[in-house]
Amino acid sequence: MRTYSIVLDPDPEESGYTVTVPALPGCTAEGDSVEDCIVNAREAIEEHIEALVKQGREVPEELEAPRILQVTVDA
């Protein structure tokens, strides 16, 4: 079992979210709700890991959860 953090970014053009997995570059998913995002992210992560294994590549593990911060700038 492995645990990965996912990031949900609201998609302003659609009524849902784009999901990324910081520890697995290139692993993305989408969903209309948070629940959909979790289900779709789990599938995307499993498929991404399977592809890495088939290619003989190392499967990255998340050693530390990413931190999301906000920065205010004058624009």
Protein backbone atom coordinates (compact mmCIF):
# COMPACT_ATOMS: atom_id res chain seq x y z
CA MET A 1 0.00 0.00 0.00
CA ARG A 2 1.19 3.49 -0.84
CA THR A 3 -0.30 6.86 0.00
CA TYR A 4 -0.09 9.89 -2.28
CA SER A 5 -1.36 13.42 -1.85
CA ILE A 6 -3.57 14.82 -4.59
CA VAL A 7 -4.18 18.47 -5.45
CA LEU A 8 -7.59 19.59 -6.72
CA ASP A 9 -7.56 22.76 -8.81
CA PRO A 10 -10.93 24.24 -9.72
CA ASP A 11 -11.35 24.35 -13.49
CA PRO A 12 -12.90 27.75 -14.32
CA GLU A 13 -13.94 26.60 -17.80
CA GLU A 14 -15.66 23.46 -16.56
CA SER A 15 -17.72 22.74 -13.47
CA GLY A 16 -15.18 20.48 -11.86
CA TYR A 17 -11.56 20.00 -10.89
CA THR A 18 -8.24 19.02 -12.39
CA VAL A 19 -6.32 16.66 -10.14
CA THR A 20 -2.53 16.35 -9.98
CA VAL A 21 -0.31 14.05 -7.96
CA PRO A 22 2.84 15.99 -7.00
CA ALA A 23 4.89 12.86 -6.24
CA LEU A 24 4.01 11.35 -9.64
CA PRO A 25 4.75 13.91 -12.36
CA GLY A 26 2.40 13.47 -15.31
CA CYS A 27 -0.25 11.67 -13.29
CA THR A 28 -3.50 13.62 -13.63
CA ALA A 29 -7.23 13.11 -13.39
CA GLU A 30 -10.44 15.11 -13.46
CA GLY A 31 -13.70 15.07 -11.59
CA ASP A 32 -16.96 16.96 -11.21
CA SER A 33 -16.96 16.62 -7.42
CA VAL A 34 -14.41 15.96 -4.70
CA GLU A 35 -15.66 12.39 -4.43
CA ASP A 36 -15.25 11.88 -8.20
CA CYS A 37 -11.73 13.31 -7.97
CA ILE A 38 -10.74 10.84 -5.29
CA VAL A 39 -12.06 7.85 -7.26
CA ASN A 40 -10.52 9.05 -10.53
CA ALA A 41 -7.21 9.94 -8.87
CA ARG A 42 -6.97 6.47 -7.34
CA GLU A 43 -7.47 4.89 -10.78
CA ALA A 44 -4.96 7.27 -12.41
CA ILE A 45 -2.35 6.55 -9.72
CA GLU A 46 -2.77 2.79 -10.07
CA GLU A 47 -2.46 3.01 -13.88
CA HIS A 48 0.54 5.34 -13.61
CA ILE A 49 2.33 2.96 -11.24
CA GLU A 50 1.54 -0.03 -13.49
CA ALA A 51 3.05 1.82 -16.46
CA LEU A 52 6.19 2.69 -14.50
CA VAL A 53 6.63 -0.94 -13.42
CA LYS A 54 6.14 -2.21 -17.00
CA GLN A 55 8.79 0.25 -18.17
CA GLY A 56 11.16 -0.97 -15.47
CA ARG A 57 11.24 2.46 -13.88
CA GLU A 58 11.32 3.23 -10.18
CA VAL A 59 8.00 4.10 -8.56
CA PRO A 60 8.40 7.32 -6.56
CA GLU A 61 7.13 7.33 -3.01
CA GLU A 62 5.82 10.42 -1.28
CA LEU A 63 8.21 11.03 1.59
CA GLU A 64 6.58 14.22 2.78
CA ALA A 65 3.16 15.66 1.98
CA PRO A 66 3.29 18.78 -0.20
CA ARG A 67 2.47 22.11 1.38
CA ILE A 68 0.16 24.55 -0.35
CA LEU A 69 0.67 28.16 0.59
CA GLN A 70 -0.74 31.42 -0.67
CA VAL A 71 1.36 34.43 -1.56
CA THR A 72 -0.10 37.90 -2.15
CA VAL A 73 1.60 40.14 -4.72
CA ASP A 74 1.00 43.61 -6.09
CA ALA A 75 -0.15 43.22 -9.66
